[in-house]
């Protein structure tokens, strides 16, 4: 198991900047505004030859009143509990503040290995703060500039001890048991035997997206069985897209919590722009997207825009109707939701829809069943022979319309790729095929090959059948 390194400190001292530096990518939002990070984030960190898990945490606030700041503090304390080594970061240019001093007391009581990191130490303006840092009682501070990468050699020495401590001990040769191995007799053959096969668990990236306050973080907390993500009545708590590994039925699922996405006209301030951009990138990197709707106000304009975006990105999607426990006449409401979905999202006809309660943890099993089912359809591969038999049948049933008095001929079809299922149709005049006819073909494919709700790509190419002289696949 990898060593866990937690970066902690008060707001705006540069924790997320160091986190991004150690991870090697800008995955945590960074801004001059204090309190950008709210949830703890975990990723694979690296310094030279060292590999470890690194935790980014919310800025520590000394609050115990049940407020958002109080819940952020509790998330930081969980990171402290789980860490093998703690990097306590202060701002060297600002010096030691009263909040730094109170946080130092908390860390001393934790009993963990704590190293004091004086960030923003580039230049002489940091010298007084470096001297002042000794008063916190953690020995000599490590002078660091997370933004410029200065001081990483000192961090290497600190982290290497934790990495070595977590490494499993080498086995004692004298303690190894004697094992008799029966080898087959050498028959002189030079043919190699069958290759050893290793089938690792494949990770499935599932992004949970939706409008603010739809219950995304609450749902993930119930799925993983702990208060992993910050939740509360305030809309827009989540800012960073946080990945939470979780195992379900033998599969490792990377659940990605995202910031609530409002209409572009309502997005205010740089921070919300950054958060929304991070959420939209999560859609691009996901395999399955769960669009979470609020059952009390479903299918708002922004919900439809998000569904269309997921479809255009080619991601498989499940629509989850959250807060179903608040609905009285469930049968009538469900029938109306299904009808509305078919009417408002014709491009995703048959998309799976699941009702659930993230707060009560109801129907999570049904949600995951829908996720696995749509994943399988998203990975559909169809033989060329089957495709062309289908193409001949649908064209015979409904031929493409004539354009300028000339008939259009669809000559041949083959699958170009999966994820999403994408196909090429070679036609006599590809640019003249109407969009309405393409929709007809797409909907017919969904019905014929059992791919409801799956994004399908149909590309038209002019020219002759390039596979005419090749054997059928």
Protein backbone atom coordinates (compact mmCIF):
# COMPACT_ATOMS: atom_id res chain seq x y z
CA UNK A 1 0.00 0.00 0.00
CA UNK A 2 1.31 3.47 -0.92
CA UNK A 3 2.28 6.03 1.68
CA UNK A 4 -0.30 8.80 2.12
CA UNK A 5 0.91 12.40 2.29
CA UNK A 6 -1.61 15.07 3.36
CA UNK A 7 -1.12 18.76 2.62
CA UNK A 8 -2.86 20.86 5.27
CA UNK A 9 -2.96 24.49 6.35
CA UNK A 10 -5.17 27.53 6.55
CA UNK A 11 -6.85 28.95 3.42
CA UNK A 12 -4.83 30.44 0.55
CA UNK A 13 -1.35 29.28 1.54
CA UNK A 14 -0.85 27.30 -1.72
CA UNK A 15 -1.87 23.74 -0.84
CA UNK A 16 -3.58 23.04 -4.19
CA UNK A 17 -0.63 24.52 -6.09
CA UNK A 18 1.71 22.05 -4.37
CA UNK A 19 -0.81 19.24 -4.93
CA UNK A 20 -0.84 19.96 -8.68
CA UNK A 21 2.96 20.14 -8.67
CA UNK A 22 3.29 16.70 -7.02
CA UNK A 23 0.63 15.12 -9.23
CA UNK A 24 2.14 16.61 -12.37
CA UNK A 25 -1.15 17.96 -13.69
CA UNK A 26 -3.43 20.87 -12.92
CA UNK A 27 -6.37 18.90 -11.58
CA UNK A 28 -7.13 21.00 -8.49
CA UNK A 29 -8.64 24.44 -9.00
CA UNK A 30 -6.26 27.24 -8.03
CA UNK A 31 -7.18 30.88 -7.47
CA UNK A 32 -6.13 33.77 -5.26
CA UNK A 33 -9.52 33.69 -3.56
CA UNK A 34 -9.31 31.97 -0.14
CA UNK A 35 -11.31 28.76 0.31
CA UNK A 36 -11.35 27.48 -3.28
CA UNK A 37 -10.83 23.86 -2.17
CA UNK A 38 -13.64 22.42 -0.09
CA UNK A 39 -13.47 18.63 -0.42
CA UNK A 40 -10.34 16.59 0.11
CA UNK A 41 -8.87 15.33 -3.14
CA UNK A 42 -6.60 12.32 -3.60
CA UNK A 43 -4.27 11.44 -6.47
CA UNK A 44 -1.01 9.69 -7.30
CA UNK A 45 1.96 11.93 -6.44
CA UNK A 46 5.56 11.73 -7.49
CA UNK A 47 8.88 13.32 -6.57
CA UNK A 48 11.72 11.86 -8.62
CA UNK A 49 11.66 8.09 -8.07
CA UNK A 50 9.14 8.25 -5.23
CA UNK A 51 5.49 7.36 -5.78
CA UNK A 52 2.84 7.97 -3.12
CA UNK A 53 -0.75 9.07 -2.54
CA UNK A 54 -1.18 12.78 -1.93
CA UNK A 55 -4.22 14.46 -0.33
CA UNK A 56 -5.26 18.05 -0.96
CA UNK A 57 -7.45 19.51 1.78
CA UNK A 58 -9.68 22.48 2.43
CA UNK A 59 -8.18 25.47 4.20
CA UNK A 60 -8.48 24.95 7.95
CA UNK A 61 -11.06 27.13 9.68
CA UNK A 62 -11.45 26.99 13.48
CA UNK A 63 -15.26 26.59 13.39
CA UNK A 64 -17.47 24.10 15.25
CA UNK A 65 -20.91 25.60 14.62
CA UNK A 66 -22.20 23.24 11.92
CA UNK A 67 -21.47 25.79 9.19
CA UNK A 68 -19.91 25.04 5.81
CA UNK A 69 -16.51 25.98 7.24
CA UNK A 70 -17.07 23.55 10.11
CA UNK A 71 -17.85 20.72 7.66
CA UNK A 72 -14.75 21.62 5.65
CA UNK A 73 -12.69 21.39 8.86
CA UNK A 74 -14.07 17.91 9.50
CA UNK A 75 -12.97 16.80 6.01
CA UNK A 76 -9.45 18.07 6.78
CA UNK A 77 -9.39 16.15 10.05
CA UNK A 78 -10.28 12.94 8.19
CA UNK A 79 -7.27 13.52 5.91
CA UNK A 80 -5.06 14.01 8.98
CA UNK A 81 -6.33 10.75 10.44
CA UNK A 82 -5.63 8.79 7.24
CA UNK A 83 -2.20 10.30 6.47
CA UNK A 84 1.19 8.71 7.13
CA UNK A 85 2.97 12.04 6.95
CA UNK A 86 1.55 15.57 7.13
CA UNK A 87 2.88 18.62 5.32
CA UNK A 88 1.73 21.61 7.39
CA UNK A 89 1.89 24.57 5.04
CA UNK A 90 2.10 28.24 5.97
CA UNK A 91 2.60 31.36 3.86
CA UNK A 92 6.21 32.49 4.44
CA UNK A 93 5.48 36.00 3.16
CA UNK A 94 2.55 36.47 5.53
CA UNK A 95 4.33 34.93 8.52
CA UNK A 96 2.67 32.96 11.31
CA UNK A 97 -0.97 33.90 11.90
CA UNK A 98 -3.19 33.11 14.91
CA UNK A 99 -5.01 30.49 12.80
CA UNK A 100 -1.66 28.84 12.00
CA UNK A 101 -0.96 28.66 15.73
CA UNK A 102 -4.34 27.09 16.54
CA UNK A 103 -3.94 24.58 13.72
CA UNK A 104 -0.46 23.69 15.01
CA UNK A 105 -2.04 22.70 18.34
CA UNK A 106 -4.49 20.40 16.54
CA UNK A 107 -1.65 18.74 14.62
CA UNK A 108 0.46 18.18 17.73
CA UNK A 109 -2.46 16.34 19.33
CA UNK A 110 -2.88 14.11 16.25
CA UNK A 111 0.29 12.16 17.06
CA UNK A 112 1.21 12.07 13.36
CA UNK A 113 4.54 12.93 11.75
CA UNK A 114 4.26 16.63 10.86
CA UNK A 115 6.67 18.65 8.73
CA UNK A 116 6.38 22.42 8.48
CA UNK A 117 6.36 23.77 4.92
CA UNK A 118 6.93 27.50 4.43
CA UNK A 119 5.48 28.15 0.98
CA UNK A 120 5.96 31.22 -1.24
CA UNK A 121 9.55 31.37 0.04
CA UNK A 122 11.06 32.77 -3.15
CA UNK A 123 12.72 36.15 -2.59
CA UNK A 124 13.82 38.03 0.49
CA UNK A 125 10.29 39.01 1.50
CA UNK A 126 9.91 35.50 2.94
CA UNK A 127 12.92 35.66 5.31
CA UNK A 128 11.06 37.13 8.34
CA UNK A 129 8.31 34.53 7.96
CA UNK A 130 10.85 31.71 7.84
CA UNK A 131 12.37 32.85 11.12
CA UNK A 132 8.93 33.24 12.67
CA UNK A 133 7.95 29.70 11.63
CA UNK A 134 10.24 28.19 14.30
CA UNK A 135 7.76 29.42 16.93
CA UNK A 136 5.24 26.76 15.83
CA UNK A 137 7.38 24.05 17.38
CA UNK A 138 7.90 21.75 14.40
CA UNK A 139 11.61 22.37 13.97
CA UNK A 140 13.25 23.85 10.90
CA UNK A 141 10.71 24.79 8.21
CA UNK A 142 11.18 23.60 4.67
CA UNK A 143 11.48 26.67 2.43
CA UNK A 144 9.37 25.94 -0.64
CA UNK A 145 7.88 27.60 -3.70
CA UNK A 146 5.12 25.35 -4.97
CA UNK A 147 4.49 27.67 -7.91
CA UNK A 148 8.12 27.61 -9.10
CA UNK A 149 9.08 24.09 -7.96
CA UNK A 150 11.74 25.19 -5.47
CA UNK A 151 12.50 23.02 -2.43
CA UNK A 152 11.27 19.70 -3.84
CA UNK A 153 14.58 18.03 -2.96
CA UNK A 154 13.84 18.63 0.72
CA UNK A 155 10.35 17.20 0.26
CA UNK A 156 11.91 14.13 -1.37
CA UNK A 157 13.92 13.44 1.79
CA UNK A 158 10.79 13.80 3.96
CA UNK A 159 8.48 11.65 1.85
CA UNK A 160 11.09 8.94 1.19
CA UNK A 161 11.02 7.96 4.87
CA UNK A 162 7.25 7.45 4.76
CA UNK A 163 7.50 5.50 1.49
CA UNK A 164 10.20 3.23 2.91
CA UNK A 165 8.16 2.65 6.06
CA UNK A 166 5.17 1.47 3.99
CA UNK A 167 7.25 -0.83 1.77
CA UNK A 168 6.78 -4.54 2.58
CA UNK A 169 9.85 -6.18 4.16
CA UNK A 170 12.00 -8.37 1.94
CA UNK A 171 11.45 -12.08 2.60
CA UNK A 172 14.08 -13.98 4.56
CA UNK A 173 15.51 -16.65 2.22
CA UNK A 174 15.97 -19.01 5.17
CA UNK A 175 12.26 -18.80 5.96
CA UNK A 176 11.01 -19.63 2.46
CA UNK A 177 9.36 -23.07 2.20
CA UNK A 178 10.74 -25.77 -0.07
CA UNK A 179 8.45 -26.28 -3.06
CA UNK A 180 8.67 -29.25 -5.41
CA UNK A 181 7.81 -28.30 -8.98
CA UNK A 182 7.16 -31.00 -11.57
CA UNK A 183 8.44 -29.76 -14.92
CA UNK A 184 7.31 -31.42 -18.15
CA UNK A 185 9.86 -33.54 -19.93
CA UNK A 186 11.72 -31.87 -22.78
CA UNK A 187 10.39 -33.40 -25.99
CA UNK A 188 12.67 -31.30 -28.18
CA UNK A 189 9.82 -29.14 -29.41
CA UNK A 190 10.53 -25.43 -29.92
CA UNK A 191 6.88 -24.40 -29.99
CA UNK A 192 5.97 -22.03 -27.18
CA UNK A 193 3.13 -22.90 -24.88
CA UNK A 194 0.06 -20.70 -24.36
CA UNK A 195 0.82 -17.24 -23.00
CA UNK A 196 -0.07 -16.55 -19.40
CA UNK A 197 -3.19 -14.42 -19.24
CA UNK A 198 -3.89 -11.82 -16.60
CA UNK A 199 -7.28 -10.19 -16.53
CA UNK A 200 -7.10 -7.14 -14.24
CA UNK A 201 -10.21 -5.39 -13.04
CA UNK A 202 -11.02 -2.66 -15.52
CA UNK A 203 -11.80 0.70 -14.07
CA UNK A 204 -15.07 2.33 -15.09
CA UNK A 205 -15.18 6.12 -14.93
CA UNK A 206 -18.65 7.35 -13.99
CA UNK A 207 -19.27 11.12 -13.75
CA UNK A 208 -22.26 12.39 -11.76
CA UNK A 209 -23.44 15.68 -13.27
CA UNK A 210 -26.41 17.98 -12.86
CA UNK A 211 -27.62 21.38 -11.76
CA UNK A 212 -26.60 22.81 -8.37
CA UNK A 213 -28.24 21.18 -5.34
CA UNK A 214 -29.47 18.13 -7.27
CA UNK A 215 -27.85 15.91 -4.61
CA UNK A 216 -24.72 14.66 -6.43
CA UNK A 217 -22.39 14.63 -3.41
CA UNK A 218 -25.05 13.13 -1.14
CA UNK A 219 -25.63 10.30 -3.62
CA UNK A 220 -21.92 9.46 -3.86
CA UNK A 221 -21.60 9.49 -0.06
CA UNK A 222 -24.40 6.91 0.19
CA UNK A 223 -22.85 4.81 -2.56
CA UNK A 224 -19.44 4.60 -0.89
CA UNK A 225 -20.89 4.33 2.63
CA UNK A 226 -19.10 7.29 4.22
CA UNK A 227 -19.23 11.08 4.33
CA UNK A 228 -16.49 11.31 1.74
CA UNK A 229 -17.76 14.51 0.12
CA UNK A 230 -18.88 17.77 1.62
CA UNK A 231 -22.66 18.19 1.59
CA UNK A 232 -25.18 20.65 2.97
CA UNK A 233 -28.21 22.79 2.14
CA UNK A 234 -26.09 25.45 0.43
CA UNK A 235 -26.16 25.27 -3.37
CA UNK A 236 -22.83 25.10 -5.15
CA UNK A 237 -20.75 23.55 -2.35
CA UNK A 238 -18.74 21.35 -4.73
CA UNK A 239 -16.16 23.19 -6.83
CA UNK A 240 -13.47 20.69 -7.83
CA UNK A 241 -14.37 17.51 -9.66
CA UNK A 242 -13.48 14.87 -7.07
CA UNK A 243 -12.83 11.23 -8.02
CA UNK A 244 -13.86 8.63 -5.44
CA UNK A 245 -12.84 5.00 -6.12
CA UNK A 246 -15.53 2.49 -5.19
CA UNK A 247 -16.06 -1.23 -5.74
CA UNK A 248 -19.39 -2.66 -6.84
CA UNK A 249 -19.93 -6.30 -7.79
CA UNK A 250 -16.22 -6.85 -8.35
CA UNK A 251 -15.76 -3.78 -10.54
CA UNK A 252 -13.73 -0.76 -9.51
CA UNK A 253 -15.82 2.34 -10.24
CA UNK A 254 -14.25 5.79 -10.28
CA UNK A 255 -17.15 7.99 -9.20
CA UNK A 256 -16.54 11.62 -10.18
CA UNK A 257 -18.44 14.27 -8.24
CA UNK A 258 -18.77 17.52 -10.16
CA UNK A 259 -19.79 21.08 -9.51
CA UNK A 260 -23.40 21.98 -10.25
CA UNK A 261 -23.71 23.38 -13.77
CA UNK A 262 -25.98 26.38 -14.21
CA UNK A 263 -26.95 28.15 -17.40
CA UNK A 264 -24.05 30.09 -18.85
CA UNK A 265 -25.85 33.40 -18.34
CA UNK A 266 -26.17 32.70 -14.61
CA UNK A 267 -22.55 31.66 -13.99
CA UNK A 268 -20.98 34.33 -11.82
CA UNK A 269 -17.36 35.05 -11.02
CA UNK A 270 -14.09 33.43 -11.97
CA UNK A 271 -14.40 30.62 -9.44
CA UNK A 272 -17.72 29.37 -10.76
CA UNK A 273 -16.41 29.56 -14.32
CA UNK A 274 -13.44 27.40 -13.27
CA UNK A 275 -15.70 24.93 -11.44
CA UNK A 276 -18.12 24.59 -14.37
CA UNK A 277 -15.20 24.13 -16.78
CA UNK A 278 -13.83 21.37 -14.56
CA UNK A 279 -17.23 19.65 -14.52
CA UNK A 280 -17.55 19.82 -18.30
CA UNK A 281 -14.08 18.28 -18.70
CA UNK A 282 -15.20 15.43 -16.44
CA UNK A 283 -17.90 14.59 -19.00
CA UNK A 284 -15.24 14.31 -21.70
CA UNK A 285 -13.10 11.92 -19.66
CA UNK A 286 -15.97 9.78 -18.36
CA UNK A 287 -17.24 6.59 -19.94
CA UNK A 288 -20.67 6.70 -18.31
CA UNK A 289 -22.41 9.92 -17.27
CA UNK A 290 -25.19 9.88 -14.70
CA UNK A 291 -27.34 12.95 -15.25
CA UNK A 292 -28.91 13.61 -11.86
CA UNK A 293 -32.24 15.46 -11.91
CA UNK A 294 -34.20 16.87 -9.00
CA UNK A 295 -37.55 15.02 -8.96
CA UNK A 296 -39.33 18.15 -7.72
CA UNK A 297 -38.16 20.23 -10.73
CA UNK A 298 -37.10 17.77 -13.46
CA UNK A 299 -36.17 18.46 -17.08
CA UNK A 300 -35.32 22.11 -16.67
CA UNK A 301 -33.75 23.74 -19.71
CA UNK A 302 -30.26 23.23 -18.27
CA UNK A 303 -30.94 19.51 -17.76
CA UNK A 304 -31.80 19.18 -21.44
CA UNK A 305 -28.70 21.12 -22.45
CA UNK A 306 -26.52 18.82 -20.35
CA UNK A 307 -28.14 15.70 -21.82
CA UNK A 308 -27.51 17.00 -25.33
CA UNK A 309 -23.88 17.78 -24.43
CA UNK A 310 -23.34 14.24 -23.13
CA UNK A 311 -24.79 12.86 -26.35
CA UNK A 312 -22.61 15.10 -28.52
CA UNK A 313 -19.53 14.01 -26.57
CA UNK A 314 -20.44 10.40 -27.31
CA UNK A 315 -20.70 9.34 -23.67
CA UNK A 316 -23.15 6.69 -22.50
CA UNK A 317 -25.76 8.19 -20.16
CA UNK A 318 -28.19 7.18 -17.45
CA UNK A 319 -30.81 9.66 -16.20
CA UNK A 320 -31.26 9.40 -12.43
CA UNK A 321 -34.26 11.11 -10.85
CA UNK A 322 -33.13 12.00 -7.32
CA UNK A 323 -35.23 12.98 -4.26
CA UNK A 324 -37.89 10.47 -5.29
CA UNK A 325 -38.82 10.12 -1.62
CA UNK A 326 -40.40 13.59 -1.86
CA UNK A 327 -42.86 12.56 -4.61
CA UNK A 328 -46.40 11.59 -3.60
CA UNK A 329 -48.07 9.94 -6.62
CA UNK A 330 -45.03 8.00 -7.83
CA UNK A 331 -46.68 5.95 -10.61
CA UNK A 332 -48.29 8.95 -12.31
CA UNK A 333 -45.15 11.05 -11.98
CA UNK A 334 -42.93 8.31 -13.37
CA UNK A 335 -45.18 7.85 -16.40
CA UNK A 336 -45.08 11.60 -17.05
CA UNK A 337 -41.28 11.69 -16.70
CA UNK A 338 -40.85 8.91 -19.22
CA UNK A 339 -43.17 10.65 -21.68
CA UNK A 340 -41.38 13.97 -21.18
CA UNK A 341 -38.01 12.31 -21.73
CA UNK A 342 -39.09 10.77 -25.03
CA UNK A 343 -40.53 14.10 -26.19
CA UNK A 344 -37.74 16.41 -24.98
CA UNK A 345 -34.77 14.15 -25.80
CA UNK A 346 -35.66 12.41 -29.08
CA UNK A 347 -31.95 12.10 -29.92
CA UNK A 348 -31.59 9.79 -26.89
CA UNK A 349 -34.68 7.66 -27.40
CA UNK A 350 -34.80 4.86 -24.83
CA UNK A 351 -32.16 6.31 -22.51
CA UNK A 352 -32.24 4.44 -19.17
CA UNK A 353 -34.08 6.27 -16.37
CA UNK A 354 -33.86 5.33 -12.69
CA UNK A 355 -35.65 6.88 -9.72
CA UNK A 356 -33.75 6.99 -6.44
CA UNK A 357 -33.14 8.75 -3.17
CA UNK A 358 -29.53 9.65 -2.53
CA UNK A 359 -30.37 10.82 0.97
CA UNK A 360 -31.93 7.47 1.92
CA UNK A 361 -29.71 5.32 -0.29
CA UNK A 362 -32.64 3.79 -2.19
CA UNK A 363 -32.31 2.13 -5.63
CA UNK A 364 -28.52 2.44 -5.87
CA UNK A 365 -28.53 -1.19 -7.05
CA UNK A 366 -30.93 -0.26 -9.88
CA UNK A 367 -28.75 2.70 -10.83
CA UNK A 368 -25.65 0.50 -11.11
CA UNK A 369 -27.56 -2.14 -13.07
CA UNK A 370 -28.51 0.58 -15.57
CA UNK A 371 -24.90 1.82 -15.67
CA UNK A 372 -23.55 -1.65 -16.48
CA UNK A 373 -26.26 -2.28 -19.07
CA UNK A 374 -25.63 0.97 -20.95
CA UNK A 375 -21.86 0.38 -20.76
CA UNK A 376 -22.33 -2.96 -22.52
CA UNK A 377 -24.38 -1.34 -25.28
CA UNK A 378 -21.85 1.51 -25.57
CA UNK A 379 -19.23 -1.17 -26.35
CA UNK A 380 -21.33 -2.82 -29.06
CA UNK A 381 -19.47 -4.33 -32.01
CA UNK A 382 -21.44 -5.50 -35.05
CA UNK A 383 -20.11 -7.64 -37.87
CA UNK A 384 -19.95 -6.14 -41.35
CA UNK A 385 -22.21 -8.87 -42.73
CA UNK A 386 -24.90 -8.19 -40.14
CA UNK A 387 -24.71 -4.45 -40.76
CA UNK A 388 -25.13 -4.78 -44.51
CA UNK A 389 -28.06 -7.18 -44.19
CA UNK A 390 -29.71 -4.61 -41.93
CA UNK A 391 -28.84 -1.73 -44.30
CA UNK A 392 -30.37 -3.54 -47.26
CA UNK A 393 -33.56 -4.21 -45.31
CA UNK A 394 -34.10 -0.66 -44.05
CA UNK A 395 -33.30 0.89 -47.43
CA UNK A 396 -35.76 -1.47 -49.12
CA UNK A 397 -38.42 -0.57 -46.57
CA UNK A 398 -37.79 3.17 -46.81
CA UNK A 399 -35.45 4.22 -49.68
CA UNK A 400 -33.59 7.52 -49.39
CA UNK A 401 -35.37 10.37 -51.22
CA UNK A 402 -34.32 11.47 -54.65
CA UNK A 403 -32.43 14.76 -54.81
CA UNK A 404 -32.63 16.86 -58.01
CA UNK A 405 -34.31 13.93 -59.72
CA UNK A 406 -31.46 11.51 -58.92
CA UNK A 407 -31.75 8.55 -56.55
CA UNK A 408 -29.30 8.19 -53.70
CA UNK A 409 -27.63 4.81 -53.29
CA UNK A 410 -26.31 3.51 -49.98
CA UNK A 411 -23.80 0.90 -51.11
CA UNK A 412 -21.96 -0.45 -48.10
CA UNK A 413 -21.63 -0.13 -44.33
CA UNK A 414 -18.98 -1.02 -41.78
CA UNK A 415 -18.24 -0.23 -38.13
CA UNK A 416 -15.38 2.21 -37.62
CA UNK A 417 -15.05 2.02 -33.83
CA UNK A 418 -16.80 1.39 -30.52
CA UNK A 419 -17.30 3.66 -27.50
CA UNK A 420 -19.56 5.09 -28.90
CA UNK A 421 -20.63 2.74 -31.71
CA UNK A 422 -19.59 4.53 -34.91
CA UNK A 423 -20.30 3.45 -38.47
CA UNK A 424 -19.38 4.48 -42.01
CA UNK A 425 -21.88 4.24 -44.87
CA UNK A 426 -20.54 4.58 -48.40
CA UNK A 427 -23.08 6.34 -50.61
CA UNK A 428 -23.29 7.62 -54.16
CA UNK A 429 -23.79 11.25 -53.05
CA UNK A 430 -23.00 11.39 -49.36
CA UNK A 431 -23.40 15.16 -49.04
CA UNK A 432 -26.96 15.00 -50.40
CA UNK A 433 -28.41 12.54 -47.85
CA UNK A 434 -30.92 14.51 -45.73
CA UNK A 435 -30.46 14.76 -41.96
CA UNK A 436 -33.98 13.36 -41.51
CA UNK A 437 -32.95 10.16 -43.28
CA UNK A 438 -29.89 9.84 -41.05
CA UNK A 439 -32.19 10.10 -38.03
CA UNK A 440 -34.34 7.35 -39.52
CA UNK A 441 -31.28 5.12 -39.90
CA UNK A 442 -30.07 5.89 -36.38
CA UNK A 443 -33.42 5.13 -34.76
CA UNK A 444 -33.75 1.95 -36.81
CA UNK A 445 -30.31 0.83 -35.63
CA UNK A 446 -31.25 1.41 -32.00
CA UNK A 447 -34.33 -0.76 -32.44
CA UNK A 448 -32.77 -3.49 -34.55
CA UNK A 449 -29.60 -3.94 -32.49
CA UNK A 450 -31.03 -3.20 -29.02
CA UNK A 451 -29.10 -0.01 -28.31
CA UNK A 452 -31.67 2.27 -26.63
CA UNK A 453 -30.26 5.54 -25.34
CA UNK A 454 -26.82 4.82 -26.80
CA UNK A 455 -25.12 7.59 -28.79
CA UNK A 456 -24.61 6.33 -32.34
CA UNK A 457 -22.36 7.95 -34.92
CA UNK A 458 -23.18 7.57 -38.64
CA UNK A 459 -20.66 8.97 -41.09
CA UNK A 460 -21.36 9.12 -44.82
CA UNK A 461 -18.59 8.78 -47.39
CA UNK A 462 -18.78 9.07 -51.14
CA UNK A 463 -17.18 6.50 -53.37
CA UNK A 464 -17.23 2.83 -54.16
CA UNK A 465 -17.20 0.00 -51.66
CA UNK A 466 -13.55 -0.14 -50.51
CA UNK A 467 -14.02 -3.71 -49.25
CA UNK A 468 -15.66 -5.13 -52.39
CA UNK A 469 -12.65 -7.33 -53.26
CA UNK A 470 -11.91 -8.35 -49.68
CA UNK A 471 -13.36 -11.29 -47.76
CA UNK A 472 -16.21 -10.49 -45.40
CA UNK A 473 -15.21 -9.95 -41.77
